[in-house]
Amino acid sequence: MSDIKRIETGARMSQAVIHGGVVYLAGQVGTAGASVTVQTQDILANIDRLLAAAGTDKSKILQSTIWMSSMDDFAEMNAVWDAWVSPGNAPARAAGESRLATPDYKVEILCIAAL
């Protein structure tokens, strides 16, 4: 059985877990109350940082799930995502509308990546 490595572990959750050559990221949020653009930029910077800590990068993302408090903001979030995603390496992706942890969060993104 493979070892399990946890990154930035707290009492409730880890920000990343590595097992069997795969990195699982917790849902990432940006600066509470900021615009969708700023929150998405913050989130993607966190994803880059966590993937680097795990020994991989965004070109290895296999799947991403995006939750938004309002799908009215979909185009704004996608403008940031499209500028960030690794060309030719777009992951499988789903996006949906959901109530997030607080009304100050407008976007939450989680990813699964290969090492």
PDB file of N, CA and C in Angstrom:
ATOM      1  N   MET A   1       0.840  -1.183   0.000  1.00  0.00           N
ATOM      2  CA  MET A   1       0.000   0.000   0.000  1.00  0.00           C
ATOM      3  C   MET A   1       0.881   1.241   0.000  1.00  0.00           C
ATOM      4  N   SER A   2       0.506   2.239  -0.761  1.00  0.00           N
ATOM      5  CA  SER A   2       1.271   3.472  -0.872  1.00  0.00           C
ATOM      6  C   SER A   2       1.160   4.307   0.395  1.00  0.00           C
ATOM      7  N   ASP A   3       2.206   5.086   0.634  1.00  0.00           N
ATOM      8  CA  ASP A   3       2.163   6.037   1.730  1.00  0.00           C
ATOM      9  C   ASP A   3       1.225   7.173   1.379  1.00  0.00           C
ATOM     10  N   ILE A   4       0.689   7.800   2.395  1.00  0.00           N
ATOM     11  CA  ILE A   4      -0.152   8.970   2.227  1.00  0.00           C
ATOM     12  C   ILE A   4       0.600  10.160   2.804  1.00  0.00           C
ATOM     13  N   LYS A   5       0.708  11.219   2.027  1.00  0.00           N
ATOM     14  CA  LYS A   5       1.357  12.450   2.485  1.00  0.00           C
ATOM     15  C   LYS A   5       0.310  13.546   2.515  1.00  0.00           C
ATOM     16  N   ARG A   6       0.295  14.307   3.600  1.00  0.00           N
ATOM     17  CA  ARG A   6      -0.659  15.402   3.758  1.00  0.00           C
ATOM     18  C   ARG A   6       0.094  16.723   3.816  1.00  0.00           C
ATOM     19  N   ILE A   7      -0.442  17.743   3.162  1.00  0.00           N
ATOM     20  CA  ILE A   7       0.170  19.065   3.110  1.00  0.00           C
ATOM     21  C   ILE A   7      -0.770  20.061   3.775  1.00  0.00           C
ATOM     22  N   GLU A   8      -0.199  20.897   4.647  1.00  0.00           N
ATOM     23  CA  GLU A   8      -0.968  21.916   5.378  1.00  0.00           C
ATOM     24  C   GLU A   8      -2.179  21.294   6.067  1.00  0.00           C
ATOM     25  N   THR A   9      -1.879  20.376   6.959  1.00  0.00           N
ATOM     26  CA  THR A   9      -2.922  19.645   7.676  1.00  0.00           C
ATOM     27  C   THR A   9      -3.370  20.413   8.902  1.00  0.00           C
ATOM     28  N   GLY A  10      -4.662  20.506   9.079  1.00  0.00           N
ATOM     29  CA  GLY A  10      -5.257  21.115  10.263  1.00  0.00           C
ATOM     30  C   GLY A  10      -6.141  20.102  10.955  1.00  0.00           C
ATOM     31  N   ALA A  11      -6.870  20.564  11.955  1.00  0.00           N
ATOM     32  CA  ALA A  11      -7.748  19.670  12.720  1.00  0.00           C
ATOM     33  C   ALA A  11      -8.900  19.144  11.862  1.00  0.00           C
ATOM     34  N   ARG A  12      -9.367  19.965  10.911  1.00  0.00           N
ATOM     35  CA  ARG A  12     -10.530  19.597  10.109  1.00  0.00           C
ATOM     36  C   ARG A  12     -10.176  18.970   8.774  1.00  0.00           C
ATOM     37  N   MET A  13      -9.100  19.470   8.151  1.00  0.00           N
ATOM     38  CA  MET A  13      -8.781  18.990   6.804  1.00  0.00           C
ATOM     39  C   MET A  13      -7.348  19.324   6.441  1.00  0.00           C
ATOM     40  N   SER A  14      -6.887  18.692   5.383  1.00  0.00           N
ATOM     41  CA  SER A  14      -5.596  19.007   4.775  1.00  0.00           C
ATOM     42  C   SER A  14      -5.872  19.771   3.492  1.00  0.00           C
ATOM     43  N   GLN A  15      -4.964  20.667   3.125  1.00  0.00           N
ATOM     44  CA  GLN A  15      -5.125  21.407   1.883  1.00  0.00           C
ATOM     45  C   GLN A  15      -4.802  20.532   0.670  1.00  0.00           C
ATOM     46  N   ALA A  16      -3.947  19.537   0.874  1.00  0.00           N
ATOM     47  CA  ALA A  16      -3.623  18.592  -0.200  1.00  0.00           C
ATOM     48  C   ALA A  16      -3.275  17.247   0.409  1.00  0.00           C
ATOM     49  N   VAL A  17      -3.638  16.190  -0.300  1.00  0.00           N
ATOM     50  CA  VAL A  17      -3.299  14.826   0.111  1.00  0.00           C
ATOM     51  C   VAL A  17      -2.748  14.117  -1.125  1.00  0.00           C
ATOM     52  N   ILE A  18      -1.603  13.459  -0.935  1.00  0.00           N
ATOM     53  CA  ILE A  18      -0.962  12.725  -2.031  1.00  0.00           C
ATOM     54  C   ILE A  18      -1.042  11.236  -1.724  1.00  0.00           C
ATOM     55  N   HIS A  19      -1.507  10.470  -2.705  1.00  0.00           N
ATOM     56  CA  HIS A  19      -1.590   9.020  -2.550  1.00  0.00           C
ATOM     57  C   HIS A  19      -1.577   8.383  -3.929  1.00  0.00           C
ATOM     58  N   GLY A  20      -0.762   7.377  -4.097  1.00  0.00           N
ATOM     59  CA  GLY A  20      -0.759   6.604  -5.336  1.00  0.00           C
ATOM     60  C   GLY A  20      -0.458   7.439  -6.578  1.00  0.00           C
ATOM     61  N   GLY A  21       0.425   8.417  -6.453  1.00  0.00           N
ATOM     62  CA  GLY A  21       0.791   9.236  -7.603  1.00  0.00           C
ATOM     63  C   GLY A  21      -0.232  10.290  -7.983  1.00  0.00           C
ATOM     64  N   VAL A  22      -1.203  10.530  -7.095  1.00  0.00           N
ATOM     65  CA  VAL A  22      -2.258  11.502  -7.357  1.00  0.00           C
ATOM     66  C   VAL A  22      -2.320  12.505  -6.202  1.00  0.00           C
ATOM     67  N   VAL A  23      -2.535  13.775  -6.547  1.00  0.00           N
ATOM     68  CA  VAL A  23      -2.686  14.842  -5.557  1.00  0.00           C
ATOM     69  C   VAL A  23      -4.141  15.297  -5.556  1.00  0.00           C
ATOM     70  N   TYR A  24      -4.742  15.294  -4.378  1.00  0.00           N
ATOM     71  CA  TYR A  24      -6.119  15.731  -4.200  1.00  0.00           C
ATOM     72  C   TYR A  24      -6.089  17.044  -3.432  1.00  0.00           C
ATOM     73  N   LEU A  25      -6.587  18.120  -4.019  1.00  0.00           N
ATOM     74  CA  LEU A  25      -6.623  19.400  -3.336  1.00  0.00           C
ATOM     75  C   LEU A  25      -7.989  19.625  -2.706  1.00  0.00           C
ATOM     76  N   ALA A  26      -7.967  20.233  -1.526  1.00  0.00           N
ATOM     77  CA  ALA A  26      -9.208  20.682  -0.900  1.00  0.00           C
ATOM     78  C   ALA A  26      -9.756  21.847  -1.713  1.00  0.00           C
ATOM     79  N   GLY A  27     -11.015  22.160  -1.523  1.00  0.00           N
ATOM     80  CA  GLY A  27     -11.593  23.324  -2.180  1.00  0.00           C
ATOM     81  C   GLY A  27     -10.858  24.576  -1.746  1.00  0.00           C
ATOM     82  N   GLN A  28     -10.464  25.391  -2.715  1.00  0.00           N
ATOM     83  CA  GLN A  28      -9.724  26.621  -2.453  1.00  0.00           C
ATOM     84  C   GLN A  28     -10.646  27.816  -2.661  1.00  0.00           C
ATOM     85  N   VAL A  29     -10.545  28.783  -1.752  1.00  0.00           N
ATOM     86  CA  VAL A  29     -11.306  30.021  -1.863  1.00  0.00           C
ATOM     87  C   VAL A  29     -10.336  31.187  -1.853  1.00  0.00           C
ATOM     88  N   GLY A  30     -10.795  32.330  -2.335  1.00  0.00           N
ATOM     89  CA  GLY A  30      -9.963  33.526  -2.384  1.00  0.00           C
ATOM     90  C   GLY A  30     -10.310  34.485  -1.267  1.00  0.00           C
ATOM     91  N   THR A  31      -9.924  35.720  -1.444  1.00  0.00           N
ATOM     92  CA  THR A  31     -10.165  36.759  -0.445  1.00  0.00           C
ATOM     93  C   THR A  31     -11.665  37.003  -0.305  1.00  0.00           C
ATOM     94  N   ALA A  32     -12.169  36.777   0.892  1.00  0.00           N
ATOM     95  CA  ALA A  32     -13.594  36.949   1.156  1.00  0.00           C
ATOM     96  C   ALA A  32     -14.025  38.376   0.831  1.00  0.00           C
ATOM     97  N   GLY A  33     -15.130  38.490   0.105  1.00  0.00           N
ATOM     98  CA  GLY A  33     -15.682  39.792  -0.223  1.00  0.00           C
ATOM     99  C   GLY A  33     -15.097  40.441  -1.467  1.00  0.00           C
ATOM    100  N   ALA A  34     -14.014  39.894  -2.000  1.00  0.00           N
ATOM    101  CA  ALA A  34     -13.398  40.454  -3.205  1.00  0.00           C
ATOM    102  C   ALA A  34     -14.248  40.087  -4.429  1.00  0.00           C
ATOM    103  N   SER A  35     -13.910  40.689  -5.558  1.00  0.00           N
ATOM    104  CA  SER A  35     -14.623  40.399  -6.808  1.00  0.00           C
ATOM    105  C   SER A  35     -14.385  38.951  -7.242  1.00  0.00           C
ATOM    106  N   VAL A  36     -15.197  38.479  -8.148  1.00  0.00           N
ATOM    107  CA  VAL A  36     -15.021  37.145  -8.710  1.00  0.00           C
ATOM    108  C   VAL A  36     -13.643  37.031  -9.360  1.00  0.00           C
ATOM    109  N   THR A  37     -13.221  38.068 -10.057  1.00  0.00           N
ATOM    110  CA  THR A  37     -11.901  38.059 -10.695  1.00  0.00           C
ATOM    111  C   THR A  37     -10.806  37.880  -9.665  1.00  0.00           C
ATOM    112  N   VAL A  38     -10.817  38.680  -8.614  1.00  0.00           N
ATOM    113  CA  VAL A  38      -9.769  38.599  -7.582  1.00  0.00           C
ATOM    114  C   VAL A  38      -9.840  37.270  -6.851  1.00  0.00           C
ATOM    115  N   GLN A  39     -11.030  36.818  -6.498  1.00  0.00           N
ATOM    116  CA  GLN A  39     -11.143  35.520  -5.819  1.00  0.00           C
ATOM    117  C   GLN A  39     -10.597  34.406  -6.700  1.00  0.00           C
ATOM    118  N   THR A  40     -10.924  34.419  -7.973  1.00  0.00           N
ATOM    119  CA  THR A  40     -10.431  33.372  -8.873  1.00  0.00           C
ATOM    120  C   THR A  40      -8.914  33.448  -9.007  1.00  0.00           C
ATOM    121  N   GLN A  41      -8.354  34.638  -9.124  1.00  0.00           N
ATOM    122  CA  GLN A  41      -6.901  34.793  -9.179  1.00  0.00           C
ATOM    123  C   GLN A  41      -6.249  34.254  -7.909  1.00  0.00           C
ATOM    124  N   ASP A  42      -6.811  34.579  -6.757  1.00  0.00           N
ATOM    125  CA  ASP A  42      -6.285  34.069  -5.474  1.00  0.00           C
ATOM    126  C   ASP A  42      -6.321  32.549  -5.439  1.00  0.00           C
ATOM    127  N   ILE A  43      -7.442  31.996  -5.842  1.00  0.00           N
ATOM    128  CA  ILE A  43      -7.619  30.538  -5.826  1.00  0.00           C
ATOM    129  C   ILE A  43      -6.589  29.859  -6.718  1.00  0.00           C
ATOM    130  N   LEU A  44      -6.426  30.368  -7.923  1.00  0.00           N
ATOM    131  CA  LEU A  44      -5.498  29.734  -8.855  1.00  0.00           C
ATOM    132  C   LEU A  44      -4.055  29.867  -8.376  1.00  0.00           C
ATOM    133  N   ALA A  45      -3.724  30.966  -7.715  1.00  0.00           N
ATOM    134  CA  ALA A  45      -2.390  31.108  -7.112  1.00  0.00           C
ATOM    135  C   ALA A  45      -2.207  30.080  -6.000  1.00  0.00           C
ATOM    136  N   ASN A  46      -3.250  29.847  -5.193  1.00  0.00           N
ATOM    137  CA  ASN A  46      -3.178  28.815  -4.146  1.00  0.00           C
ATOM    138  C   ASN A  46      -3.009  27.432  -4.754  1.00  0.00           C
ATOM    139  N   ILE A  47      -3.728  27.169  -5.832  1.00  0.00           N
ATOM    140  CA  ILE A  47      -3.598  25.877  -6.508  1.00  0.00           C
ATOM    141  C   ILE A  47      -2.173  25.697  -7.014  1.00  0.00           C
ATOM    142  N   ASP A  48      -1.617  26.715  -7.661  1.00  0.00           N
ATOM    143  CA  ASP A  48      -0.220  26.644  -8.124  1.00  0.00           C
ATOM    144  C   ASP A  48       0.727  26.347  -6.968  1.00  0.00           C
ATOM    145  N   ARG A  49       0.527  27.041  -5.848  1.00  0.00           N
ATOM    146  CA  ARG A  49       1.407  26.879  -4.675  1.00  0.00           C
ATOM    147  C   ARG A  49       1.300  25.462  -4.091  1.00  0.00           C
ATOM    148  N   LEU A  50       0.086  24.967  -3.935  1.00  0.00           N
ATOM    149  CA  LEU A  50      -0.105  23.628  -3.371  1.00  0.00           C
ATOM    150  C   LEU A  50       0.411  22.539  -4.298  1.00  0.00           C
ATOM    151  N   LEU A  51       0.180  22.692  -5.597  1.00  0.00           N
ATOM    152  CA  LEU A  51       0.702  21.707  -6.537  1.00  0.00           C
ATOM    153  C   LEU A  51       2.226  21.694  -6.521  1.00  0.00           C
ATOM    154  N   ALA A  52       2.854  22.867  -6.435  1.00  0.00           N
ATOM    155  CA  ALA A  52       4.319  22.934  -6.345  1.00  0.00           C
ATOM    156  C   ALA A  52       4.806  22.250  -5.075  1.00  0.00           C
ATOM    157  N   ALA A  53       4.110  22.465  -3.964  1.00  0.00           N
ATOM    158  CA  ALA A  53       4.492  21.811  -2.704  1.00  0.00           C
ATOM    159  C   ALA A  53       4.381  20.297  -2.810  1.00  0.00           C
ATOM    160  N   ALA A  54       3.464  19.828  -3.645  1.00  0.00           N
ATOM    161  CA  ALA A  54       3.283  18.385  -3.847  1.00  0.00           C
ATOM    162  C   ALA A  54       4.251  17.817  -4.883  1.00  0.00           C
ATOM    163  N   GLY A  55       4.937  18.701  -5.625  1.00  0.00           N
ATOM    164  CA  GLY A  55       5.885  18.239  -6.627  1.00  0.00           C
ATOM    165  C   GLY A  55       5.305  18.117  -8.020  1.00  0.00           C
ATOM    166  N   THR A  56       4.268  18.884  -8.301  1.00  0.00           N
ATOM    167  CA  THR A  56       3.648  18.846  -9.625  1.00  0.00           C
ATOM    168  C   THR A  56       3.241  20.255 -10.023  1.00  0.00           C
ATOM    169  N   ASP A  57       2.451  20.381 -11.096  1.00  0.00           N
ATOM    170  CA  ASP A  57       2.021  21.704 -11.543  1.00  0.00           C
ATOM    171  C   ASP A  57       0.695  21.601 -12.299  1.00  0.00           C
ATOM    172  N   LYS A  58       0.181  22.758 -12.707  1.00  0.00           N
ATOM    173  CA  LYS A  58      -1.146  22.812 -13.324  1.00  0.00           C
ATOM    174  C   LYS A  58      -1.254  22.034 -14.636  1.00  0.00           C
ATOM    175  N   SER A  59      -0.153  21.763 -15.290  1.00  0.00           N
ATOM    176  CA  SER A  59      -0.209  20.978 -16.530  1.00  0.00           C
ATOM    177  C   SER A  59      -0.600  19.528 -16.268  1.00  0.00           C
ATOM    178  N   LYS A  60      -0.566  19.117 -15.012  1.00  0.00           N
ATOM    179  CA  LYS A  60      -0.880  17.733 -14.637  1.00  0.00           C
ATOM    180  C   LYS A  60      -2.257  17.600 -13.977  1.00  0.00           C
ATOM    181  N   ILE A  61      -3.033  18.701 -13.977  1.00  0.00           N
ATOM    182  CA  ILE A  61      -4.373  18.606 -13.388  1.00  0.00           C
ATOM    183  C   ILE A  61      -5.228  17.684 -14.250  1.00  0.00           C
ATOM    184  N   LEU A  62      -5.838  16.706 -13.598  1.00  0.00           N
ATOM    185  CA  LEU A  62      -6.689  15.729 -14.275  1.00  0.00           C
ATOM    186  C   LEU A  62      -8.145  16.175 -14.298  1.00  0.00           C
ATOM    187  N   GLN A  63      -8.591  16.719 -13.171  1.00  0.00           N
ATOM    188  CA  GLN A  63      -9.994  17.092 -13.032  1.00  0.00           C
ATOM    189  C   GLN A  63     -10.111  18.292 -12.111  1.00  0.00           C
ATOM    190  N   SER A  64     -11.048  19.154 -12.407  1.00  0.00           N
ATOM    191  CA  SER A  64     -11.315  20.303 -11.560  1.00  0.00           C
ATOM    192  C   SER A  64     -12.815  20.475 -11.410  1.00  0.00           C
ATOM    193  N   THR A  65     -13.236  20.831 -10.215  1.00  0.00           N
ATOM    194  CA  THR A  65     -14.631  21.141  -9.942  1.00  0.00           C
ATOM    195  C   THR A  65     -14.695  22.571  -9.443  1.00  0.00           C
ATOM    196  N   ILE A  66     -15.572  23.347 -10.033  1.00  0.00           N
ATOM    197  CA  ILE A  66     -15.714  24.752  -9.687  1.00  0.00           C
ATOM    198  C   ILE A  66     -17.133  24.981  -9.171  1.00  0.00           C
ATOM    199  N   TRP A  67     -17.210  25.556  -7.979  1.00  0.00           N
ATOM    200  CA  TRP A  67     -18.497  25.932  -7.402  1.00  0.00           C
ATOM    201  C   TRP A  67     -18.566  27.451  -7.385  1.00  0.00           C
ATOM    202  N   MET A  68     -19.687  27.985  -7.811  1.00  0.00           N
ATOM    203  CA  MET A  68     -19.899  29.424  -7.820  1.00  0.00           C
ATOM    204  C   MET A  68     -21.201  29.745  -7.092  1.00  0.00           C
ATOM    205  N   SER A  69     -21.203  30.869  -6.374  1.00  0.00           N
ATOM    206  CA  SER A  69     -22.435  31.246  -5.677  1.00  0.00           C
ATOM    207  C   SER A  69     -23.504  31.705  -6.661  1.00  0.00           C
ATOM    208  N   SER A  70     -23.075  32.148  -7.847  1.00  0.00           N
ATOM    209  CA  SER A  70     -24.023  32.535  -8.895  1.00  0.00           C
ATOM    210  C   SER A  70     -23.416  32.253 -10.268  1.00  0.00           C
ATOM    211  N   MET A  71     -24.133  31.537 -11.083  1.00  0.00           N
ATOM    212  CA  MET A  71     -23.654  31.266 -12.440  1.00  0.00           C
ATOM    213  C   MET A  71     -23.675  32.537 -13.298  1.00  0.00           C
ATOM    214  N   ASP A  72     -24.253  33.600 -12.782  1.00  0.00           N
ATOM    215  CA  ASP A  72     -24.180  34.892 -13.476  1.00  0.00           C
ATOM    216  C   ASP A  72     -22.735  35.366 -13.609  1.00  0.00           C
ATOM    217  N   ASP A  73     -21.842  34.848 -12.746  1.00  0.00           N
ATOM    218  CA  ASP A  73     -20.428  35.239 -12.738  1.00  0.00           C
ATOM    219  C   ASP A  73     -19.545  34.280 -13.542  1.00  0.00           C
ATOM    220  N   PHE A  74     -20.169  33.356 -14.257  1.00  0.00           N
ATOM    221  CA  PHE A  74     -19.436  32.316 -14.978  1.00  0.00           C
ATOM    222  C   PHE A  74     -18.432  32.893 -15.975  1.00  0.00           C
ATOM    223  N   ALA A  75     -18.832  33.860 -16.775  1.00  0.00           N
ATOM    224  CA  ALA A  75     -17.928  34.445 -17.775  1.00  0.00           C
ATOM    225  C   ALA A  75     -16.746  35.150 -17.115  1.00  0.00           C
ATOM    226  N   GLU A  76     -16.993  35.847 -16.014  1.00  0.00           N
ATOM    227  CA  GLU A  76     -15.910  36.547 -15.305  1.00  0.00           C
ATOM    228  C   GLU A  76     -14.892  35.551 -14.749  1.00  0.00           C
ATOM    229  N   MET A  77     -15.381  34.468 -14.143  1.00  0.00           N
ATOM    230  CA  MET A  77     -14.478  33.440 -13.627  1.00  0.00           C
ATOM    231  C   MET A  77     -13.718  32.787 -14.778  1.00  0.00           C
ATOM    232  N   ASN A  78     -14.420  32.462 -15.869  1.00  0.00           N
ATOM    233  CA  ASN A  78     -13.780  31.803 -17.006  1.00  0.00           C
ATOM    234  C   ASN A  78     -12.694  32.661 -17.647  1.00  0.00           C
ATOM    235  N   ALA A  79     -12.841  33.974 -17.643  1.00  0.00           N
ATOM    236  CA  ALA A  79     -11.808  34.853 -18.209  1.00  0.00           C
ATOM    237  C   ALA A  79     -10.486  34.665 -17.467  1.00  0.00           C
ATOM    238  N   VAL A  80     -10.548  34.522 -16.158  1.00  0.00           N
ATOM    239  CA  VAL A  80      -9.336  34.300 -15.354  1.00  0.00           C
ATOM    240  C   VAL A  80      -8.834  32.877 -15.567  1.00  0.00           C
ATOM    241  N   TRP A  81      -9.731  31.909 -15.508  1.00  0.00           N
ATOM    242  CA  TRP A  81      -9.363  30.497 -15.704  1.00  0.00           C
ATOM    243  C   TRP A  81      -8.689  30.294 -17.052  1.00  0.00           C
ATOM    244  N   ASP A  82      -9.295  30.833 -18.113  1.00  0.00           N
ATOM    245  CA  ASP A  82      -8.770  30.612 -19.467  1.00  0.00           C
ATOM    246  C   ASP A  82      -7.368  31.182 -19.642  1.00  0.00           C
ATOM    247  N   ALA A  83      -7.072  32.289 -18.970  1.00  0.00           N
ATOM    248  CA  ALA A  83      -5.726  32.881 -19.037  1.00  0.00           C
ATOM    249  C   ALA A  83      -4.717  32.065 -18.236  1.00  0.00           C
ATOM    250  N   TRP A  84      -5.188  31.279 -17.278  1.00  0.00           N
ATOM    251  CA  TRP A  84      -4.321  30.521 -16.366  1.00  0.00           C
ATOM    252  C   TRP A  84      -4.068  29.088 -16.813  1.00  0.00           C
ATOM    253  N   VAL A  85      -5.083  28.424 -17.333  1.00  0.00           N
ATOM    254  CA  VAL A  85      -4.987  26.986 -17.608  1.00  0.00           C
ATOM    255  C   VAL A  85      -3.822  26.700 -18.567  1.00  0.00           C
ATOM    256  N   SER A  86      -3.152  25.587 -18.351  1.00  0.00           N
ATOM    257  CA  SER A  86      -2.000  25.204 -19.160  1.00  0.00           C
ATOM    258  C   SER A  86      -2.445  24.878 -20.588  1.00  0.00           C
ATOM    259  N   PRO A  87      -1.935  25.616 -21.592  1.00  0.00           N
ATOM    260  CA  PRO A  87      -2.350  25.372 -22.987  1.00  0.00           C
ATOM    261  C   PRO A  87      -2.137  23.915 -23.395  1.00  0.00           C
ATOM    262  N   GLY A  88      -3.169  23.342 -23.963  1.00  0.00           N
ATOM    263  CA  GLY A  88      -3.097  21.954 -24.407  1.00  0.00           C
ATOM    264  C   GLY A  88      -3.278  20.933 -23.304  1.00  0.00           C
ATOM    265  N   ASN A  89      -3.427  21.405 -22.058  1.00  0.00           N
ATOM    266  CA  ASN A  89      -3.553  20.494 -20.914  1.00  0.00           C
ATOM    267  C   ASN A  89      -4.794  20.785 -20.080  1.00  0.00           C
ATOM    268  N   ALA A  90      -5.844  21.265 -20.712  1.00  0.00           N
ATOM    269  CA  ALA A  90      -7.070  21.569 -19.961  1.00  0.00           C
ATOM    270  C   ALA A  90      -7.602  20.285 -19.317  1.00  0.00           C
ATOM    271  N   PRO A  91      -7.928  20.354 -18.023  1.00  0.00           N
ATOM    272  CA  PRO A  91      -8.439  19.161 -17.343  1.00  0.00           C
ATOM    273  C   PRO A  91      -9.915  18.920 -17.657  1.00  0.00           C
ATOM    274  N   ALA A  92     -10.383  17.742 -17.313  1.00  0.00           N
ATOM    275  CA  ALA A  92     -11.824  17.515 -17.277  1.00  0.00           C
ATOM    276  C   ALA A  92     -12.354  18.469 -16.210  1.00  0.00           C
ATOM    277  N   ARG A  93     -13.504  19.092 -16.463  1.00  0.00           N
ATOM    278  CA  ARG A  93     -13.949  20.133 -15.548  1.00  0.00           C
ATOM    279  C   ARG A  93     -15.456  20.157 -15.455  1.00  0.00           C
ATOM    280  N   ALA A  94     -15.940  20.460 -14.266  1.00  0.00           N
ATOM    281  CA  ALA A  94     -17.363  20.693 -14.043  1.00  0.00           C
ATOM    282  C   ALA A  94     -17.500  21.996 -13.282  1.00  0.00           C
ATOM    283  N   ALA A  95     -18.574  22.710 -13.534  1.00  0.00           N
ATOM    284  CA  ALA A  95     -18.856  23.944 -12.801  1.00  0.00           C
ATOM    285  C   ALA A  95     -20.337  23.965 -12.473  1.00  0.00           C
ATOM    286  N   GLY A  96     -20.642  24.450 -11.284  1.00  0.00           N
ATOM    287  CA  GLY A  96     -22.036  24.517 -10.880  1.00  0.00           C
ATOM    288  C   GLY A  96     -22.264  25.608  -9.866  1.00  0.00           C
ATOM    289  N   GLU A  97     -23.522  25.859  -9.613  1.00  0.00           N
ATOM    290  CA  GLU A  97     -23.911  26.887  -8.653  1.00  0.00           C
ATOM    291  C   GLU A  97     -24.267  26.227  -7.333  1.00  0.00           C
ATOM    292  N   SER A  98     -23.759  26.819  -6.249  1.00  0.00           N
ATOM    293  CA  SER A  98     -24.017  26.280  -4.923  1.00  0.00           C
ATOM    294  C   SER A  98     -23.839  27.382  -3.886  1.00  0.00           C
ATOM    295  N   ARG A  99     -24.530  27.278  -2.793  1.00  0.00           N
ATOM    296  CA  ARG A  99     -24.270  28.176  -1.684  1.00  0.00           C
ATOM    297  C   ARG A  99     -22.925  27.780  -1.094  1.00  0.00           C
ATOM    298  N   LEU A 100     -22.004  28.739  -0.934  1.00  0.00           N
ATOM    299  CA  LEU A 100     -20.675  28.453  -0.406  1.00  0.00           C
ATOM    300  C   LEU A 100     -20.653  28.699   1.095  1.00  0.00           C
ATOM    301  N   ALA A 101     -19.497  28.503   1.732  1.00  0.00           N
ATOM    302  CA  ALA A 101     -19.387  28.542   3.196  1.00  0.00           C
ATOM    303  C   ALA A 101     -19.914  29.844   3.804  1.00  0.00           C
ATOM    304  N   THR A 102     -19.645  30.962   3.146  1.00  0.00           N
ATOM    305  CA  THR A 102     -20.205  32.243   3.573  1.00  0.00           C
ATOM    306  C   THR A 102     -20.589  33.022   2.312  1.00  0.00           C
ATOM    307  N   PRO A 103     -21.486  33.989   2.424  1.00  0.00           N
ATOM    308  CA  PRO A 103     -21.857  34.793   1.252  1.00  0.00           C
ATOM    309  C   PRO A 103     -20.692  35.613   0.687  1.00  0.00           C
ATOM    310  N   ASP A 104     -19.613  35.769   1.462  1.00  0.00           N
ATOM    311  CA  ASP A 104     -18.445  36.517   0.995  1.00  0.00           C
ATOM    312  C   ASP A 104     -17.627  35.743  -0.027  1.00  0.00           C
ATOM    313  N   TYR A 105     -17.827  34.436  -0.124  1.00  0.00           N
ATOM    314  CA  TYR A 105     -17.137  33.630  -1.120  1.00  0.00           C
ATOM    315  C   TYR A 105     -18.030  33.494  -2.345  1.00  0.00           C
ATOM    316  N   LYS A 106     -17.438  33.744  -3.514  1.00  0.00           N
ATOM    317  CA  LYS A 106     -18.190  33.666  -4.762  1.00  0.00           C
ATOM    318  C   LYS A 106     -17.744  32.498  -5.625  1.00  0.00           C
ATOM    319  N   VAL A 107     -16.521  31.986  -5.359  1.00  0.00           N
ATOM    320  CA  VAL A 107     -15.946  30.900  -6.157  1.00  0.00           C
ATOM    321  C   VAL A 107     -15.183  29.961  -5.223  1.00  0.00           C
ATOM    322  N   GLU A 108     -15.276  28.671  -5.480  1.00  0.00           N
ATOM    323  CA  GLU A 108     -14.453  27.658  -4.808  1.00  0.00           C
ATOM    324  C   GLU A 108     -14.040  26.649  -5.871  1.00  0.00           C
ATOM    325  N   ILE A 109     -12.751  26.316  -5.888  1.00  0.00           N
ATOM    326  CA  ILE A 109     -12.247  25.383  -6.895  1.00  0.00           C
ATOM    327  C   ILE A 109     -11.447  24.283  -6.215  1.00  0.00           C
ATOM    328  N   LEU A 110     -11.689  23.056  -6.625  1.00  0.00           N
ATOM    329  CA  LEU A 110     -10.862  21.945  -6.160  1.00  0.00           C
ATOM    330  C   LEU A 110     -10.337  21.192  -7.361  1.00  0.00           C
ATOM    331  N   CYS A 111      -9.179  20.557  -7.191  1.00  0.00           N
ATOM    332  CA  CYS A 111      -8.512  19.866  -8.295  1.00  0.00           C
ATOM    333  C   CYS A 111      -7.962  18.533  -7.852  1.00  0.00           C
ATOM    334  N   ILE A 112      -7.816  17.662  -8.821  1.00  0.00           N
ATOM    335  CA  ILE A 112      -7.107  16.396  -8.673  1.00  0.00           C
ATOM    336  C   ILE A 112      -6.027  16.406  -9.749  1.00  0.00           C
ATOM    337  N   ALA A 113      -4.778  16.125  -9.360  1.00  0.00           N
ATOM    338  CA  ALA A 113      -3.666  16.189 -10.315  1.00  0.00           C
ATOM    339  C   ALA A 113      -2.767  14.971 -10.183  1.00  0.00           C
ATOM    340  N   ALA A 114      -2.093  14.644 -11.268  1.00  0.00           N
ATOM    341  CA  ALA A 114      -1.075  13.595 -11.259  1.00  0.00           C
ATOM    342  C   ALA A 114       0.238  14.186 -10.786  1.00  0.00           C
ATOM    343  N   LEU A 115       1.090  13.339 -10.224  1.00  0.00           N
ATOM    344  CA  LEU A 115       2.431  13.810  -9.840  1.00  0.00           C
ATOM    345  C   LEU A 115       3.320  13.871 -11.063  1.00  0.00           C
TER     346      LEU A 115
END
